[in-house]
Amino acid sequence: MLQRLRGHEVWRERLRTAPEAIRSEQDLSDVPLTLKEDLRAAQAETIPDRPLGAFQLVGAGELVQFASSSGTTGAPVFFGLTANDLRRWTAGIGNAYRTAGVAPGARVAHTTGMAIVAGGLPYADGIRAAGGGLAWIGGQTSSRMTMSMQRLQLNVLVGTASFVPHFARRCEEELGVPATDLSVRTIIAGGEPGAGVPHIRQGMLDAWGATRVSEFMGLGDVLPAMWAECHVGNGMHFTAAPDVMVELVDPVTLEHVPWEQGATGEAVYTTLTREASAVVRFRSRDQFVVTGTRCACGRTAPTVRCVGRTDDMLIYKAMNVYPTAIRDVVLDVASDVLTGSMRIRKETAQQVRFDDPLPLQAELRDGTGADGAADVLAAAEEAVRASLRVRIRIEPVPVGVIPIGEYKNALVYVEGS
């Protein structure tokens, strides 16, 4: 793989410090990280016959499919696939879906509305590869989506952690019956952290009467599905070998972190078989905690939870904090009155520092009023101060005020946007 990349102008200098053969992640320690900004900048300039920019490794005629990032953290980045890339992507994503609970006989509701994103057509291909019956219901009106759920008796629901409970409410509104009366028993939730949080997970189970939630994640820059949770439910297994190598590094020092229970670090990826647009030491910004190194399911890959993104970090006075950490503490105290949907308001997109308490919009459960929830929310604010040394100000809002989309919902927003 490296020998092929060394013949390419972009990678020649980047791989100057890499040994001839890579036998372990330590061999890549001196290779500089590849950033999303590098890929985005390479596509800022139009190059004839190179729609993927300077990182494109094959001729345009070899590209059989395109995909893109969601663009939630900047302009979308486009990816291309050769015929072999497409085969390997489909097989790899299918492996992740099998781990997450898709098997022959499963009737799978795929709720993403955008085909070109990594969680669109590639996920649809992977669901079929896992043996599931695909019902791509995303992108339609709510009435058509909910009718499809009922008419087709779909028993596996694929969506984001925030969309899953929202969609349960929409089903009840449109169909006149609770979502628990439908057929969904397995929920596969990805696209954003949250499915591993006990209160959010239980909320999804209760909303649908489901028996299993599987957390799921990947990156279009690397492979759209690389981590999936088995039936044991203790975190996500790495499912992308032998197509991808993953390192765990300290996000500050960039030193390697061992894959040991309780270890935390940022995932860094290298593609091993990608032909059209390979990446070496791609910095994901996803912060993991290792939840186990052995699993009763028999898989040998460690299990992890994604606890946030390093580029989502906020600073309250001198304290760093992830929005996900704030959400988790608030739900520990106030899940009886909150749905789990919440977001922190920023004055500008660039704002990272806060001197005043962080304003947190939080969605109240149906039938719960702001006055009735006041004492519990005050206790949640105090719990955040005590455990994270950060002050917040919870702004309770009714259901519907916080927008919920089918694909990636941010935990921060800019006032007026």
Protein backbone atom coordinates (compact mmCIF):
# COMPACT_ATOMS: atom_id res chain seq x y z
CA MET A 1 0.00 0.00 0.00
CA LEU A 2 2.72 2.50 0.97
CA GLN A 3 4.80 1.70 -2.09
CA ARG A 4 1.87 2.66 -4.30
CA LEU A 5 1.32 5.91 -2.40
CA ARG A 6 4.99 6.89 -2.58
CA GLY A 7 4.59 7.27 -6.34
CA HIS A 8 1.97 9.98 -5.83
CA GLU A 9 2.99 13.61 -5.51
CA VAL A 10 0.84 14.37 -2.44
CA TRP A 11 2.00 11.35 -0.46
CA ARG A 12 5.67 11.26 -1.43
CA GLU A 13 6.75 13.87 1.11
CA ARG A 14 4.21 12.79 3.73
CA LEU A 15 5.62 9.26 3.75
CA ARG A 16 9.26 10.28 3.72
CA THR A 17 9.70 9.13 7.36
CA ALA A 18 7.76 5.88 6.99
CA PRO A 19 9.65 2.54 6.85
CA GLU A 20 9.44 0.37 3.75
CA ALA A 21 7.08 -2.09 5.42
CA ILE A 22 4.45 -1.42 8.09
CA ARG A 23 4.22 -4.18 10.67
CA SER A 24 2.58 -2.30 13.52
CA GLU A 25 1.06 1.06 14.35
CA GLN A 26 4.37 2.15 15.90
CA ASP A 27 5.91 2.10 12.42
CA LEU A 28 3.67 5.01 11.49
CA SER A 29 4.49 7.17 14.52
CA ASP A 30 6.61 9.66 12.56
CA VAL A 31 4.17 10.00 9.66
CA PRO A 32 2.24 13.28 9.91
CA LEU A 33 -1.50 13.12 10.53
CA THR A 34 -3.92 13.68 7.66
CA LEU A 35 -6.66 16.16 8.56
CA LYS A 36 -10.14 16.71 7.19
CA GLU A 37 -8.93 20.21 6.35
CA ASP A 38 -6.23 18.70 4.11
CA LEU A 39 -8.82 16.79 2.10
CA ARG A 40 -11.15 19.79 1.92
CA ALA A 41 -8.35 22.14 0.80
CA ALA A 42 -7.29 19.67 -1.89
CA GLN A 43 -10.76 19.93 -3.42
CA ALA A 44 -10.98 23.72 -3.24
CA GLU A 45 -9.22 24.02 -6.58
CA THR A 46 -10.75 22.44 -9.67
CA ILE A 47 -8.29 20.12 -11.39
CA PRO A 48 -9.19 18.72 -14.84
CA ASP A 49 -10.12 15.01 -14.68
CA ARG A 50 -9.49 14.97 -10.91
CA PRO A 51 -12.88 15.62 -9.29
CA LEU A 52 -11.53 14.42 -5.94
CA GLY A 53 -8.68 16.92 -5.99
CA ALA A 54 -4.99 16.38 -5.39
CA PHE A 55 -5.52 13.25 -3.24
CA GLN A 56 -7.14 11.35 -6.13
CA LEU A 57 -5.03 8.27 -6.90
CA VAL A 58 -6.71 6.84 -10.01
CA GLY A 59 -7.93 8.14 -13.34
CA ALA A 60 -11.40 9.63 -13.44
CA GLY A 61 -12.53 6.81 -15.70
CA GLU A 62 -11.96 4.29 -12.90
CA LEU A 63 -14.39 5.98 -10.52
CA VAL A 64 -17.70 4.12 -10.40
CA GLN A 65 -19.39 5.89 -7.47
CA PHE A 66 -19.13 9.11 -5.47
CA ALA A 67 -20.05 9.91 -1.88
CA SER A 68 -19.67 12.96 0.33
CA SER A 69 -19.42 13.99 3.94
CA SER A 70 -22.47 15.62 5.51
CA GLY A 71 -20.84 19.05 5.63
CA THR A 72 -21.88 19.63 9.24
CA THR A 73 -18.38 20.89 10.14
CA GLY A 74 -17.61 22.74 6.89
CA ALA A 75 -17.93 22.36 3.14
CA PRO A 76 -18.66 18.74 2.13
CA VAL A 77 -15.69 16.58 1.17
CA PHE A 78 -16.25 14.21 -1.75
CA PHE A 79 -14.96 10.65 -1.98
CA GLY A 80 -14.70 8.36 -4.97
CA LEU A 81 -14.73 4.60 -5.29
CA THR A 82 -13.27 2.25 -7.85
CA ALA A 83 -15.11 -0.99 -8.56
CA ASN A 84 -12.90 -2.77 -6.05
CA ASP A 85 -13.39 0.00 -3.46
CA LEU A 86 -17.15 -0.38 -3.87
CA ARG A 87 -16.97 -4.13 -3.34
CA ARG A 88 -14.84 -3.76 -0.23
CA TRP A 89 -16.96 -0.92 1.17
CA THR A 90 -20.12 -2.97 0.71
CA ALA A 91 -18.57 -6.07 2.33
CA GLY A 92 -17.14 -4.04 5.22
CA ILE A 93 -20.37 -2.16 5.91
CA GLY A 94 -22.26 -5.45 5.65
CA ASN A 95 -19.98 -6.94 8.32
CA ALA A 96 -20.77 -4.02 10.62
CA TYR A 97 -24.51 -4.46 10.09
CA ARG A 98 -24.28 -8.19 10.81
CA THR A 99 -22.51 -7.35 14.07
CA ALA A 100 -25.26 -4.84 14.89
CA GLY A 101 -28.06 -7.36 14.37
CA VAL A 102 -29.05 -7.43 10.68
CA ALA A 103 -29.52 -10.96 9.33
CA PRO A 104 -31.62 -12.73 6.71
CA GLY A 105 -35.26 -12.15 7.62
CA ALA A 106 -34.63 -8.64 8.95
CA ARG A 107 -36.77 -5.93 7.36
CA VAL A 108 -34.72 -2.78 7.75
CA ALA A 109 -36.01 0.80 7.80
CA HIS A 110 -33.21 3.03 6.47
CA THR A 111 -34.18 6.59 7.44
CA THR A 112 -31.38 8.70 5.96
CA GLY A 113 -32.81 11.03 3.34
CA MET A 114 -29.58 11.88 1.47
CA ALA A 115 -28.33 9.19 -0.91
CA ILE A 116 -24.89 10.70 -1.61
CA VAL A 117 -23.68 10.88 2.00
CA ALA A 118 -21.66 8.02 3.45
CA GLY A 119 -24.70 6.96 5.49
CA GLY A 120 -26.94 6.94 2.42
CA LEU A 121 -26.37 4.60 -0.53
CA PRO A 122 -23.31 2.92 1.06
CA TYR A 123 -25.42 1.98 4.11
CA ALA A 124 -28.19 0.70 1.85
CA ASP A 125 -25.66 -1.53 0.05
CA GLY A 126 -24.33 -2.78 3.39
CA ILE A 127 -27.79 -3.64 4.73
CA ARG A 128 -28.41 -5.83 1.70
CA ALA A 129 -24.93 -7.38 2.00
CA ALA A 130 -25.76 -8.37 5.59
CA GLY A 131 -28.82 -10.23 4.32
CA GLY A 132 -31.43 -7.68 5.38
CA GLY A 133 -34.45 -6.65 3.37
CA LEU A 134 -33.94 -2.96 2.62
CA ALA A 135 -36.77 -0.45 2.95
CA TRP A 136 -35.21 2.94 2.22
CA ILE A 137 -37.95 5.12 3.63
CA GLY A 138 -35.87 8.25 4.33
CA GLY A 139 -36.41 11.43 2.35
CA GLN A 140 -40.18 11.03 2.07
CA THR A 141 -42.96 12.82 3.91
CA SER A 142 -43.59 11.77 7.49
CA SER A 143 -46.91 10.20 6.52
CA ARG A 144 -45.28 8.00 3.87
CA MET A 145 -42.41 7.03 6.19
CA THR A 146 -44.73 6.05 9.01
CA MET A 147 -47.14 4.22 6.69
CA SER A 148 -44.20 2.20 5.35
CA MET A 149 -43.18 1.26 8.89
CA GLN A 150 -46.65 -0.14 9.55
CA ARG A 151 -47.47 -1.67 6.17
CA LEU A 152 -44.12 -3.44 5.72
CA GLN A 153 -43.87 -4.50 9.38
CA LEU A 154 -40.28 -3.28 9.51
CA ASN A 155 -38.47 -4.78 12.48
CA VAL A 156 -35.05 -3.04 12.36
CA LEU A 157 -34.77 0.75 12.50
CA VAL A 158 -31.60 2.55 11.37
CA GLY A 159 -31.33 6.21 12.36
CA THR A 160 -29.49 8.75 14.49
CA ALA A 161 -29.76 8.63 18.27
CA SER A 162 -31.84 11.83 18.29
CA PHE A 163 -34.05 10.92 15.30
CA VAL A 164 -35.09 7.51 16.66
CA PRO A 165 -37.30 8.79 19.57
CA HIS A 166 -38.48 11.73 17.44
CA PHE A 167 -39.65 9.30 14.75
CA ALA A 168 -41.52 7.26 17.35
CA ARG A 169 -43.56 10.35 18.22
CA ARG A 170 -44.20 11.03 14.53
CA CYS A 171 -45.44 7.47 14.05
CA GLU A 172 -47.97 7.88 16.85
CA GLU A 173 -49.14 11.23 15.46
CA GLU A 174 -49.53 9.92 11.91
CA LEU A 175 -50.82 6.41 12.58
CA GLY A 176 -52.84 6.94 15.74
CA VAL A 177 -51.10 4.07 17.53
CA PRO A 178 -47.97 4.11 19.70
CA ALA A 179 -44.72 3.06 18.08
CA THR A 180 -44.63 0.15 20.52
CA ASP A 181 -47.50 -1.38 18.52
CA LEU A 182 -45.29 -1.53 15.43
CA SER A 183 -42.75 -4.26 14.66
CA VAL A 184 -39.41 -2.61 15.50
CA ARG A 185 -37.39 -4.74 17.91
CA THR A 186 -33.80 -3.81 16.94
CA ILE A 187 -32.53 -0.21 16.70
CA ILE A 188 -29.21 0.62 15.06
CA ALA A 189 -28.22 4.17 15.94
CA GLY A 190 -25.24 6.12 14.61
CA GLY A 191 -24.23 9.39 13.02
CA GLU A 192 -23.76 11.10 16.40
CA PRO A 193 -22.76 10.08 19.93
CA GLY A 194 -25.61 9.15 22.24
CA ALA A 195 -26.80 5.60 21.67
CA GLY A 196 -24.39 4.37 24.33
CA VAL A 197 -25.76 6.73 27.01
CA PRO A 198 -27.98 4.62 29.31
CA HIS A 199 -30.84 7.14 29.57
CA ILE A 200 -30.91 7.81 25.82
CA ARG A 201 -30.68 4.09 25.08
CA GLN A 202 -33.52 3.26 27.44
CA GLY A 203 -35.59 6.06 25.91
CA MET A 204 -35.18 4.50 22.47
CA LEU A 205 -36.09 1.04 23.78
CA ASP A 206 -39.16 2.37 25.56
CA ALA A 207 -40.32 4.49 22.61
CA TRP A 208 -40.41 1.51 20.25
CA GLY A 209 -40.85 -1.44 22.60
CA ALA A 210 -37.53 -2.69 21.22
CA THR A 211 -35.31 -5.33 22.80
CA ARG A 212 -31.92 -4.21 21.43
CA VAL A 213 -30.05 -1.01 20.62
CA SER A 214 -26.78 -1.28 18.70
CA GLU A 215 -24.49 1.74 18.46
CA PHE A 216 -22.85 2.14 15.05
CA MET A 217 -20.32 4.51 13.48
CA GLY A 218 -17.77 5.13 10.74
CA LEU A 219 -16.33 7.85 8.51
CA GLY A 220 -16.74 8.41 4.78
CA ASP A 221 -13.12 9.57 4.66
CA VAL A 222 -12.12 6.03 5.67
CA LEU A 223 -15.04 3.53 5.64
CA PRO A 224 -18.63 4.53 6.44
CA ALA A 225 -19.09 1.76 9.02
CA MET A 226 -16.15 0.60 11.15
CA TRP A 227 -17.61 0.16 14.61
CA ALA A 228 -20.72 -1.80 15.58
CA GLU A 229 -22.18 -3.11 18.81
CA CYS A 230 -22.92 -6.80 19.24
CA HIS A 231 -25.82 -8.27 21.23
CA VAL A 232 -23.82 -8.13 24.49
CA GLY A 233 -24.20 -4.35 24.47
CA ASN A 234 -20.97 -3.26 26.12
CA GLY A 235 -19.71 -1.02 23.33
CA MET A 236 -18.77 -1.12 19.66
CA HIS A 237 -16.36 -3.63 18.12
CA PHE A 238 -13.96 -2.60 15.36
CA THR A 239 -15.33 -4.36 12.27
CA ALA A 240 -13.20 -2.86 9.48
CA ALA A 241 -10.15 -5.17 9.45
CA PRO A 242 -8.40 -5.98 7.11
CA ASP A 243 -9.33 -2.83 5.15
CA VAL A 244 -8.42 -0.30 7.83
CA MET A 245 -5.86 0.03 10.61
CA VAL A 246 -6.88 2.03 13.69
CA GLU A 247 -4.63 3.69 16.26
CA LEU A 248 -5.63 5.20 19.60
CA VAL A 249 -3.66 8.35 20.41
CA ASP A 250 -3.60 11.01 23.07
CA PRO A 251 -5.29 14.04 21.40
CA VAL A 252 -2.75 16.46 22.94
CA THR A 253 0.58 14.64 22.79
CA LEU A 254 -0.39 12.34 19.87
CA GLU A 255 1.41 9.50 21.63
CA HIS A 256 -0.04 6.03 21.22
CA VAL A 257 -2.48 4.84 23.88
CA PRO A 258 -2.73 1.07 24.53
CA TRP A 259 -6.05 -0.66 23.87
CA GLU A 260 -6.75 -1.38 27.53
CA GLN A 261 -10.01 -1.23 29.45
CA GLY A 262 -10.65 2.32 30.65
CA ALA A 263 -8.15 3.90 28.24
CA THR A 264 -9.24 7.06 26.43
CA GLY A 265 -7.94 8.58 23.22
CA GLU A 266 -8.66 9.73 19.70
CA ALA A 267 -9.05 7.28 16.82
CA VAL A 268 -6.60 7.65 13.91
CA TYR A 269 -7.15 5.59 10.76
CA THR A 270 -5.11 4.32 7.81
CA THR A 271 -6.81 2.71 4.82
CA LEU A 272 -5.08 -0.46 3.64
CA THR A 273 -7.00 -1.32 0.46
CA ARG A 274 -8.60 1.95 -0.69
CA GLU A 275 -7.67 2.66 -4.31
CA ALA A 276 -9.36 5.92 -5.31
CA SER A 277 -8.61 8.13 -2.31
CA ALA A 278 -6.51 6.50 0.39
CA VAL A 279 -5.72 8.18 3.70
CA VAL A 280 -2.78 7.57 6.04
CA ARG A 281 -3.14 8.43 9.73
CA PHE A 282 -6.42 10.26 9.27
CA ARG A 283 -7.29 12.20 12.41
CA SER A 284 -10.93 11.43 13.15
CA ARG A 285 -11.40 13.83 16.12
CA ASP A 286 -13.58 11.09 17.67
CA GLN A 287 -12.73 10.59 21.32
CA PHE A 288 -13.13 6.99 22.55
CA VAL A 289 -13.14 5.21 25.87
CA VAL A 290 -12.27 1.51 25.78
CA THR A 291 -15.07 -0.37 27.56
CA GLY A 292 -13.59 -3.86 27.33
CA THR A 293 -10.95 -6.07 25.74
CA ARG A 294 -12.89 -9.35 25.84
CA CYS A 295 -16.48 -9.99 24.88
CA ALA A 296 -18.87 -12.85 25.52
CA CYS A 297 -19.83 -12.79 21.83
CA GLY A 298 -16.40 -14.22 20.98
CA ARG A 299 -15.13 -11.27 18.97
CA THR A 300 -11.56 -10.33 19.83
CA ALA A 301 -11.66 -6.61 18.94
CA PRO A 302 -11.87 -4.26 21.96
CA THR A 303 -15.16 -2.50 22.58
CA VAL A 304 -15.43 1.29 22.73
CA ARG A 305 -17.84 4.15 23.28
CA CYS A 306 -17.52 7.47 21.51
CA VAL A 307 -17.69 10.16 24.19
CA GLY A 308 -17.32 13.24 21.98
CA ARG A 309 -15.26 14.99 19.35
CA THR A 310 -12.09 16.94 20.09
CA ASP A 311 -13.21 19.69 17.71
CA ASP A 312 -16.47 20.08 19.70
CA MET A 313 -14.56 20.96 22.86
CA LEU A 314 -15.81 24.07 24.68
CA ILE A 315 -14.06 26.09 27.37
CA TYR A 316 -15.86 27.49 30.40
CA LYS A 317 -13.40 29.89 31.99
CA ALA A 318 -10.38 27.58 32.45
CA MET A 319 -12.23 24.24 32.12
CA ASN A 320 -12.48 22.15 28.94
CA VAL A 321 -15.72 20.26 28.45
CA TYR A 322 -17.44 18.15 25.78
CA PRO A 323 -21.11 18.92 25.07
CA THR A 324 -21.75 15.18 25.33
CA ALA A 325 -20.39 15.16 28.89
CA ILE A 326 -22.80 17.94 29.86
CA ARG A 327 -25.70 16.07 28.26
CA ASP A 328 -24.83 12.85 30.08
CA VAL A 329 -24.69 14.49 33.53
CA VAL A 330 -27.94 16.39 32.93
CA LEU A 331 -29.71 13.16 31.94
CA ASP A 332 -28.35 11.36 34.99
CA VAL A 333 -30.39 13.77 37.10
CA ALA A 334 -33.26 14.93 34.89
CA SER A 335 -34.17 12.12 32.49
CA ASP A 336 -37.62 11.84 34.10
CA VAL A 337 -38.53 15.31 32.81
CA LEU A 338 -36.35 15.59 29.66
CA THR A 339 -36.54 13.70 26.36
CA GLY A 340 -32.76 13.78 25.84
CA SER A 341 -32.77 16.33 22.99
CA MET A 342 -30.67 19.34 23.96
CA ARG A 343 -28.18 21.79 22.48
CA ILE A 344 -25.81 24.53 23.65
CA ARG A 345 -26.21 27.98 22.15
CA LYS A 346 -23.20 29.85 20.79
CA GLU A 347 -23.13 33.49 19.76
CA THR A 348 -20.94 32.78 16.71
CA ALA A 349 -19.80 29.66 14.91
CA GLN A 350 -16.24 30.37 16.09
CA GLN A 351 -17.11 30.74 19.77
CA VAL A 352 -15.33 28.22 21.98
CA ARG A 353 -14.88 30.15 25.23
CA PHE A 354 -17.67 31.01 27.66
CA ASP A 355 -17.33 33.28 30.68
CA ASP A 356 -21.00 33.07 31.62
CA PRO A 357 -22.91 29.82 32.25
CA LEU A 358 -23.38 27.85 29.03
CA PRO A 359 -26.98 28.27 27.78
CA LEU A 360 -28.45 24.79 27.25
CA GLN A 361 -31.79 24.31 25.55
CA ALA A 362 -33.36 21.07 26.80
CA GLU A 363 -36.55 19.49 25.53
CA LEU A 364 -39.20 18.68 28.14
CA ARG A 365 -41.20 15.48 27.97
CA ASP A 366 -44.80 15.79 26.79
CA GLY A 367 -47.02 16.76 29.70
CA THR A 368 -44.15 18.29 31.69
CA GLY A 369 -44.22 22.03 32.31
CA ALA A 370 -41.27 24.30 32.97
CA ASP A 371 -42.52 25.17 36.46
CA GLY A 372 -42.97 21.53 37.42
CA ALA A 373 -39.48 20.66 36.22
CA ALA A 374 -37.71 23.66 37.78
CA ASP A 375 -36.37 21.90 40.89
CA VAL A 376 -35.06 18.90 38.93
CA LEU A 377 -33.38 21.13 36.34
CA ALA A 378 -31.76 23.19 39.08
CA ALA A 379 -30.40 19.96 40.54
CA ALA A 380 -29.05 19.03 37.09
CA GLU A 381 -27.28 22.37 36.81
CA GLU A 382 -25.68 21.80 40.22
CA ALA A 383 -24.64 18.26 39.22
CA VAL A 384 -22.83 19.61 36.15
CA ARG A 385 -21.05 22.19 38.30
CA ALA A 386 -20.03 19.57 40.86
CA SER A 387 -18.85 16.87 38.46
CA LEU A 388 -17.49 18.91 35.52
CA ARG A 389 -16.68 22.22 37.25
CA VAL A 390 -18.68 23.98 34.56
CA ARG A 391 -21.76 26.13 35.02
CA ILE A 392 -24.75 25.81 32.71
CA ARG A 393 -28.15 27.49 32.49
CA ILE A 394 -30.87 25.12 31.36
CA GLU A 395 -33.58 26.64 29.18
CA PRO A 396 -36.50 24.19 29.10
CA VAL A 397 -38.44 24.09 25.81
CA PRO A 398 -41.42 22.02 24.66
CA VAL A 399 -41.18 19.19 22.16
CA GLY A 400 -40.62 20.50 18.63
CA VAL A 401 -38.54 23.59 19.40
CA ILE A 402 -35.22 21.77 18.90
CA PRO A 403 -35.10 20.65 15.25
CA ILE A 404 -34.39 16.97 14.69
CA GLY A 405 -33.14 15.85 11.29
CA GLU A 406 -32.67 12.39 9.83
CA TYR A 407 -28.87 12.76 9.59
CA LYS A 408 -26.48 14.11 12.23
CA ASN A 409 -27.89 16.50 14.81
CA ALA A 410 -25.43 18.87 16.46
CA LEU A 411 -25.20 19.45 20.22
CA VAL A 412 -24.30 23.10 19.63
CA TYR A 413 -25.98 25.73 17.53
CA VAL A 414 -25.45 29.38 16.64
CA GLU A 415 -28.05 31.86 17.85
CA GLY A 416 -30.29 32.92 14.97
CA SER A 417 -29.21 30.11 12.66
